[in-house]
Protein backbone atom coordinates (compact mmCIF):
# COMPACT_ATOMS: atom_id res chain seq x y z
CA MET A 1 -2.91 -16.73 13.96
CA ASP A 2 0.04 -19.18 14.11
CA TRP A 3 2.47 -16.70 13.47
CA VAL A 4 1.66 -14.76 16.53
CA THR A 5 1.99 -17.79 18.82
CA GLN A 6 5.28 -18.53 17.30
CA ALA A 7 6.60 -15.00 17.65
CA ARG A 8 5.55 -15.09 21.51
CA GLU A 9 7.34 -18.57 21.92
CA ARG A 10 10.56 -17.17 20.50
CA GLY A 11 10.46 -13.89 22.28
CA TYR A 12 9.60 -11.64 19.30
CA HIS A 13 6.31 -10.19 20.73
CA ASP A 14 8.00 -6.97 22.28
CA THR A 15 9.93 -6.20 19.18
CA LEU A 16 6.74 -6.78 16.98
CA LEU A 17 4.82 -4.34 19.50
CA SER A 18 7.38 -1.48 18.95
CA LEU A 19 7.40 -2.10 15.41
CA LEU A 20 3.84 -1.72 15.37
CA ASP A 21 4.01 1.43 17.44
CA VAL A 22 6.29 3.03 14.79
CA LEU A 23 4.16 1.74 11.76
CA GLU A 24 0.54 2.34 13.25
CA PRO A 25 0.09 5.67 11.28
CA PHE A 26 0.96 3.85 7.95
CA ALA A 27 -0.74 0.23 8.90
CA PRO A 28 -3.61 0.59 6.07
CA VAL A 29 -0.73 1.02 3.53
CA VAL A 30 1.20 -1.87 5.03
CA GLY A 31 -1.77 -3.80 5.05
CA GLN A 32 -2.61 -3.17 1.45
CA TRP A 33 1.13 -4.04 0.55
CA LEU A 34 0.66 -7.27 2.24
CA LEU A 35 -2.31 -8.04 0.22
CA VAL A 36 -0.51 -7.41 -2.90
CA ALA A 37 2.31 -9.72 -1.74
CA ALA A 38 -0.02 -12.34 -0.54
CA PRO A 39 0.34 -14.47 -3.72
CA VAL A 40 4.02 -14.38 -3.74
CA ALA A 41 4.05 -15.43 -0.14
CA GLY A 42 1.84 -18.48 -1.25
CA LEU A 43 4.61 -19.87 -2.91
CA PHE A 44 6.01 -20.38 0.71
CA GLY A 45 2.88 -21.35 2.23
CA GLN A 46 2.35 -18.05 3.91
CA ARG A 47 -0.56 -16.66 1.73
CA GLN A 48 -3.07 -16.96 4.40
CA ALA A 49 -0.98 -15.47 7.10
CA PHE A 50 -0.27 -12.25 4.86
CA GLN A 51 -4.26 -11.87 4.08
CA ASP A 52 -4.98 -12.36 7.98
CA LEU A 53 -2.41 -9.52 8.90
CA SER A 54 -3.55 -7.47 5.95
CA GLN A 55 -7.20 -7.30 7.34
CA LEU A 56 -5.84 -6.61 10.94
CA LEU A 57 -3.74 -3.66 9.57
CA ASP A 58 -6.60 -2.24 7.47
CA THR A 59 -8.77 -0.83 10.42
CA PRO A 60 -7.81 0.86 13.61
CA GLU A 61 -9.88 -1.99 15.71
CA GLY A 62 -7.85 -4.49 13.82
CA VAL A 63 -4.56 -2.85 15.00
CA ARG A 64 -6.02 -2.75 18.31
CA HIS A 65 -6.88 -6.26 18.32
CA LEU A 66 -3.18 -7.22 16.85
CA ARG A 67 -1.59 -5.21 19.74
CA HIS A 68 -3.86 -7.22 22.37
CA LEU A 69 -2.77 -10.64 20.76
CA LEU A 70 0.88 -9.72 20.93
CA SER A 71 0.65 -8.14 24.58
CA ASP A 72 1.09 -10.23 27.81
CA GLU A 73 -2.24 -9.56 28.78
CA HIS A 74 -3.73 -11.69 26.17
CA TYR A 75 -1.63 -14.57 27.59
CA GLY A 76 -2.39 -13.74 31.35
């Protein structure tokens, strides 16, 4: 996931982890919204990123995986 790498390089990972904490109860709803928005994101070359994030937010395991990708322990 390129956007996760870019977020880490720009120092946004802590902010995204905090946002994930707030949105976690609504993650499946946000995931479905991203799936609906994916065709529009495709106009800007981000369709796959929206679809990937949508799939992660759709399940508790996916949310845990996203949290792990954003965390410092993933990058050691």
